[in-house]
Amino acid sequence: MGKWMIPANPKIYDHARFFDDYGYVDWKQRLKFEVGDIVYLYCSKPFQKVMYKTKVIKESMPFSECTEDIDYWTNPDDYESSKSYMRARLELLNRADREELSLEYLMKNGLNAAPQKGFKVQDNLAEYMDKYFELESPDMIYPESDIPENYYEGAVTTTIVNKYERNPLARKKCIEYHGCECSVCGLSFEKMYGDLGKGFIHVHHIVPLNQIKEEYEVDYKTDLIPVCPNCHAMLHRKLNNEYYSIEELKGIVKKNLE
């Protein structure tokens, strides 16, 4: 089984949304992938980190066999030129957004430079990355349902159910601005669990997207707020057919801890 790393530029192709919509991505194949190979996606600026671990489930696919993806390209000319390439279908195994998978840390653990093209990954680097992917799960008990640059959201897409498109860069900006402590109960996963909890937090959309029903510009300072999984779950739980606000839930937590 081969292990590879390929660069992914979110400004050119919205692979994050494609993964959300389909659970895989049909990627231009310039390398000799084989079915069963592992492919890590290094996301370039503004992320500069490995964020996706995938498995090759099909290779050397002509464009006619691929899932239509014109809506995921920023430039239509890039979409047209992509038709001439064979593609590999990369099934999403796991995703992560951790400092330990950033360029700085990767270069301390076997990576020579920021990837400009795909290459085979040495075992020591793969083992290092896998250690941190194992700390993440795409099927968490408390899924982050509110992970929305400036930052537009709201265009409805249809899969099994209607959902609102979200840009993961908003999560990054929200955490940079507000920090990683829960805005309701004050929990810090890093203080509680050490390195295991570093950088872990959910992001809550204060105004539910399904109540907006139109495209709008997200303000990560005022529209988004970091919360722990427990408080996040309670913010999405109704009592007497009403949701609690952030301040109301903070009051409940404070009262019950006195």
Protein backbone atom coordinates (compact mmCIF):
# COMPACT_ATOMS: atom_id res chain seq x y z
CA MET A 1 0.00 0.00 0.00
CA GLY A 2 1.45 3.33 -1.06
CA LYS A 3 1.14 6.54 0.93
CA TRP A 4 1.10 9.90 -0.83
CA MET A 5 0.74 13.61 -0.13
CA ILE A 6 -0.81 16.04 -2.60
CA PRO A 7 -1.29 19.83 -2.34
CA ALA A 8 -4.85 21.18 -2.31
CA ASN A 9 -5.57 24.88 -2.92
CA PRO A 10 -8.98 25.87 -1.47
CA LYS A 11 -8.89 29.10 -3.49
CA ILE A 12 -8.99 27.09 -6.72
CA TYR A 13 -11.19 24.13 -5.83
CA ASP A 14 -13.64 23.73 -2.94
CA HIS A 15 -12.66 20.22 -1.93
CA ALA A 16 -14.02 20.74 1.60
CA ARG A 17 -17.55 21.23 0.30
CA PHE A 18 -17.21 18.33 -2.13
CA PHE A 19 -16.19 16.04 0.74
CA ASP A 20 -19.17 17.30 2.74
CA ASP A 21 -21.53 16.62 -0.15
CA TYR A 22 -20.24 13.24 -1.34
CA GLY A 23 -17.76 11.78 1.15
CA TYR A 24 -15.12 11.51 -1.58
CA VAL A 25 -13.48 13.68 -4.23
CA ASP A 26 -12.46 12.89 -7.82
CA TRP A 27 -8.92 14.31 -7.99
CA LYS A 28 -6.72 14.95 -11.01
CA GLN A 29 -4.35 11.98 -11.10
CA ARG A 30 -0.73 12.83 -11.88
CA LEU A 31 0.74 10.03 -9.72
CA LYS A 32 0.66 6.25 -9.97
CA PHE A 33 -2.05 5.66 -7.41
CA GLU A 34 -3.36 2.16 -6.82
CA VAL A 35 -6.64 1.21 -5.21
CA GLY A 36 -6.10 1.02 -1.45
CA ASP A 37 -3.35 3.65 -1.34
CA ILE A 38 -3.55 6.37 1.31
CA VAL A 39 -3.48 10.00 0.16
CA TYR A 40 -3.02 12.94 2.56
CA LEU A 41 -4.22 16.36 1.37
CA TYR A 42 -2.03 19.31 2.32
CA CYS A 43 -4.18 22.45 2.26
CA SER A 44 -2.24 25.52 1.19
CA LYS A 45 -2.71 29.10 2.45
CA PRO A 46 -4.42 30.20 4.60
CA PHE A 47 -4.28 26.78 6.34
CA GLN A 48 -0.82 25.39 5.52
CA LYS A 49 -1.47 22.03 7.10
CA VAL A 50 -2.51 18.49 6.26
CA MET A 51 -6.24 18.35 6.92
CA TYR A 52 -7.57 15.26 5.09
CA LYS A 53 -6.66 11.58 5.05
CA THR A 54 -8.19 9.65 2.15
CA LYS A 55 -8.08 6.25 0.50
CA VAL A 56 -7.97 5.57 -3.25
CA ILE A 57 -11.09 3.59 -4.20
CA LYS A 58 -10.87 4.13 -7.99
CA GLU A 59 -7.98 5.18 -10.21
CA SER A 60 -7.39 6.26 -13.82
CA MET A 61 -10.99 7.39 -14.22
CA PRO A 62 -11.88 9.33 -17.38
CA PHE A 63 -13.86 12.53 -16.92
CA SER A 64 -17.03 10.80 -18.14
CA GLU A 65 -16.98 8.51 -15.07
CA CYS A 66 -16.46 11.31 -12.55
CA THR A 67 -19.02 13.16 -10.49
CA GLU A 68 -19.88 16.52 -12.08
CA ASP A 69 -18.02 19.23 -10.15
CA ILE A 70 -18.25 22.47 -12.13
CA ASP A 71 -19.81 24.26 -9.12
CA TYR A 72 -16.74 23.56 -6.99
CA TRP A 73 -14.20 25.31 -9.25
CA THR A 74 -13.46 29.02 -8.73
CA ASN A 75 -12.41 29.54 -12.36
CA PRO A 76 -14.48 27.87 -15.12
CA ASP A 77 -11.35 27.68 -17.33
CA ASP A 78 -9.67 25.46 -14.71
CA TYR A 79 -12.72 23.21 -14.76
CA GLU A 80 -12.54 22.89 -18.55
CA SER A 81 -8.82 22.05 -18.52
CA SER A 82 -9.40 19.45 -15.79
CA LYS A 83 -11.49 17.37 -18.19
CA SER A 84 -8.34 16.24 -20.01
CA TYR A 85 -6.90 14.57 -16.90
CA MET A 86 -7.57 11.10 -15.59
CA ARG A 87 -8.80 11.20 -12.02
CA ALA A 88 -8.65 9.12 -8.87
CA ARG A 89 -11.56 8.84 -6.47
CA LEU A 90 -10.35 9.59 -2.94
CA GLU A 91 -12.66 8.42 -0.20
CA LEU A 92 -12.54 10.54 2.97
CA LEU A 93 -11.26 8.55 5.93
CA ASN A 94 -10.76 11.38 8.37
CA ARG A 95 -10.25 15.11 8.62
CA ALA A 96 -8.41 17.18 11.20
CA ASP A 97 -7.53 20.79 11.95
CA ARG A 98 -4.60 20.53 14.32
CA GLU A 99 -1.49 22.61 14.91
CA GLU A 100 0.53 19.38 15.00
CA LEU A 101 -0.33 18.82 11.32
CA SER A 102 0.79 22.31 10.27
CA LEU A 103 3.77 22.92 8.00
CA GLU A 104 5.99 23.90 10.94
CA TYR A 105 5.44 20.62 12.74
CA LEU A 106 5.50 18.47 9.59
CA MET A 107 8.93 19.86 8.66
CA LYS A 108 10.20 18.74 12.05
CA ASN A 109 8.94 15.22 11.35
CA GLY A 110 10.16 14.38 7.86
CA LEU A 111 8.62 16.86 5.41
CA ASN A 112 11.22 18.78 3.40
CA ALA A 113 9.14 21.78 2.30
CA ALA A 114 5.58 22.89 1.60
CA PRO A 115 4.28 20.51 -1.09
CA GLN A 116 4.13 22.03 -4.58
CA LYS A 117 3.27 18.71 -6.22
CA GLY A 118 2.38 15.22 -5.09
CA PHE A 119 4.94 12.77 -3.73
CA LYS A 120 5.30 9.49 -1.86
CA VAL A 121 5.31 9.82 1.91
CA GLN A 122 8.00 8.15 4.01
CA ASP A 123 6.83 5.83 6.78
CA ASN A 124 8.04 8.04 9.63
CA LEU A 125 6.05 11.03 8.38
CA ALA A 126 2.97 8.88 7.76
CA GLU A 127 3.17 7.45 11.28
CA TYR A 128 3.44 10.96 12.73
CA MET A 129 0.39 12.21 10.82
CA ASP A 130 -1.69 9.12 11.56
CA LYS A 131 -1.16 9.64 15.27
CA TYR A 132 -3.04 12.93 15.10
CA PHE A 133 -5.69 11.79 12.66
CA GLU A 134 -6.52 9.01 15.12
CA LEU A 135 -7.42 11.71 17.66
CA GLU A 136 -10.15 12.97 15.33
CA SER A 137 -13.36 11.35 14.16
CA PRO A 138 -15.70 12.51 11.38
CA ASP A 139 -18.59 10.80 13.23
CA MET A 140 -18.25 12.39 16.63
CA ILE A 141 -20.91 11.77 19.25
CA TYR A 142 -21.45 15.53 19.20
CA PRO A 143 -21.04 16.50 15.53
CA GLU A 144 -20.19 20.09 14.69
CA SER A 145 -23.27 21.10 12.79
CA ASP A 146 -22.47 24.83 12.80
CA ILE A 147 -19.08 25.08 11.19
CA PRO A 148 -19.58 27.70 8.76
CA GLU A 149 -13.29 34.16 4.85
CA ASN A 150 -15.54 36.61 4.31
CA TYR A 151 -17.50 34.20 4.39
CA TYR A 152 -20.74 33.67 2.53
CA GLU A 153 -23.23 31.04 3.50
CA GLY A 154 -26.72 30.07 2.69
CA ALA A 155 -26.92 28.54 -0.78
CA VAL A 156 -29.05 25.44 -0.33
CA THR A 157 -27.77 22.22 -1.86
CA THR A 158 -29.69 18.96 -1.94
CA THR A 159 -28.24 15.61 -0.96
CA ILE A 160 -30.43 13.39 1.19
CA VAL A 161 -31.66 16.48 3.03
CA ASN A 162 -31.28 20.19 2.38
CA LYS A 163 -28.28 21.74 4.05
CA TYR A 164 -26.47 25.07 4.02
CA GLU A 165 -23.01 25.43 2.56
CA ARG A 166 -20.33 26.33 5.10
CA ASN A 167 -16.81 27.70 4.67
CA PRO A 168 -14.41 26.08 7.19
CA LEU A 169 -12.16 29.16 7.18
CA ALA A 170 -14.80 30.91 9.30
CA ARG A 171 -14.20 28.35 12.06
CA LYS A 172 -10.47 29.12 12.00
CA LYS A 173 -11.08 32.88 12.19
CA CYS A 174 -13.66 32.45 14.98
CA ILE A 175 -11.22 30.49 17.14
CA GLU A 176 -8.36 32.91 16.44
CA TYR A 177 -10.60 35.76 17.62
CA HIS A 178 -12.51 34.18 20.52
CA GLY A 179 -10.09 31.47 21.65
CA CYS A 180 -10.75 27.82 22.47
CA GLU A 181 -12.57 28.11 25.79
CA CYS A 182 -16.28 27.37 25.88
CA SER A 183 -18.26 30.62 25.87
CA VAL A 184 -20.93 29.07 28.08
CA CYS A 185 -19.22 27.03 30.79
CA GLY A 186 -15.59 28.15 30.33
CA LEU A 187 -14.19 24.66 29.71
CA SER A 188 -10.74 24.53 28.11
CA PHE A 189 -9.96 21.11 26.64
CA GLU A 190 -6.24 21.89 26.67
CA LYS A 191 -6.31 22.69 30.40
CA MET A 192 -8.37 19.59 31.08
CA TYR A 193 -6.62 17.07 28.81
CA GLY A 194 -3.27 18.63 27.93
CA ASP A 195 -1.93 18.16 24.39
CA LEU A 196 -4.78 15.76 23.58
CA GLY A 197 -7.29 18.60 23.91
CA LYS A 198 -5.21 21.34 22.32
CA GLY A 199 -7.17 23.30 19.72
CA PHE A 200 -10.36 21.28 20.22
CA ILE A 201 -13.66 23.17 20.43
CA HIS A 202 -16.96 23.35 18.57
CA VAL A 203 -18.17 26.48 16.80
CA HIS A 204 -21.82 27.49 17.24
CA HIS A 205 -23.73 29.63 14.77
CA ILE A 206 -25.71 32.04 16.95
CA VAL A 207 -28.48 32.53 14.37
CA PRO A 208 -29.40 29.07 13.01
CA LEU A 209 -28.72 28.85 9.29
CA ASN A 210 -32.02 27.14 8.63
CA GLN A 211 -33.78 30.27 9.93
CA ILE A 212 -31.91 32.60 7.58
CA LYS A 213 -32.69 30.84 4.28
CA GLU A 214 -30.73 33.32 2.18
CA GLU A 215 -27.13 33.95 1.27
CA TYR A 216 -25.44 36.36 3.65
CA GLU A 217 -21.98 37.36 4.83
CA VAL A 218 -20.88 35.68 8.05
CA ASP A 219 -19.15 37.83 10.66
CA TYR A 220 -16.94 35.43 12.59
CA LYS A 221 -16.70 37.96 15.45
CA THR A 222 -20.43 38.27 16.11
CA ASP A 223 -22.17 35.37 14.33
CA LEU A 224 -19.98 32.52 15.58
CA ILE A 225 -18.96 31.50 19.07
CA PRO A 226 -16.82 28.64 20.47
CA VAL A 227 -18.62 26.16 22.74
CA CYS A 228 -17.83 22.75 24.19
CA PRO A 229 -19.74 19.72 22.82
CA ASN A 230 -22.02 19.49 25.88
CA CYS A 231 -23.08 23.13 25.75
CA HIS A 232 -23.36 22.91 21.97
CA ALA A 233 -25.79 20.03 22.32
CA MET A 234 -27.86 21.99 24.87
CA LEU A 235 -27.98 25.05 22.59
CA HIS A 236 -29.62 22.81 19.98
CA ARG A 237 -32.05 21.27 22.46
CA LYS A 238 -35.51 22.75 22.93
CA LEU A 239 -37.46 23.16 26.17
CA ASN A 240 -41.13 24.06 25.79
CA ASN A 241 -40.42 24.34 22.06
CA GLU A 242 -37.86 27.12 22.62
CA TYR A 243 -34.08 27.22 22.26
CA TYR A 244 -31.95 28.81 24.99
CA SER A 245 -29.70 31.73 24.10
CA ILE A 246 -26.01 31.80 25.02
CA GLU A 247 -26.69 34.11 27.98
CA GLU A 248 -29.64 32.04 29.20
CA LEU A 249 -27.60 28.86 29.11
CA LYS A 250 -24.71 30.60 30.90
CA GLY A 251 -27.16 31.56 33.62
CA ILE A 252 -28.35 27.97 34.02
CA VAL A 253 -24.80 26.66 34.24
CA LYS A 254 -23.81 29.31 36.78
CA LYS A 255 -26.86 28.66 38.93
CA ASN A 256 -26.41 24.90 38.97
CA LEU A 257 -22.72 25.17 39.83
CA GLU A 258 -23.30 27.46 42.81
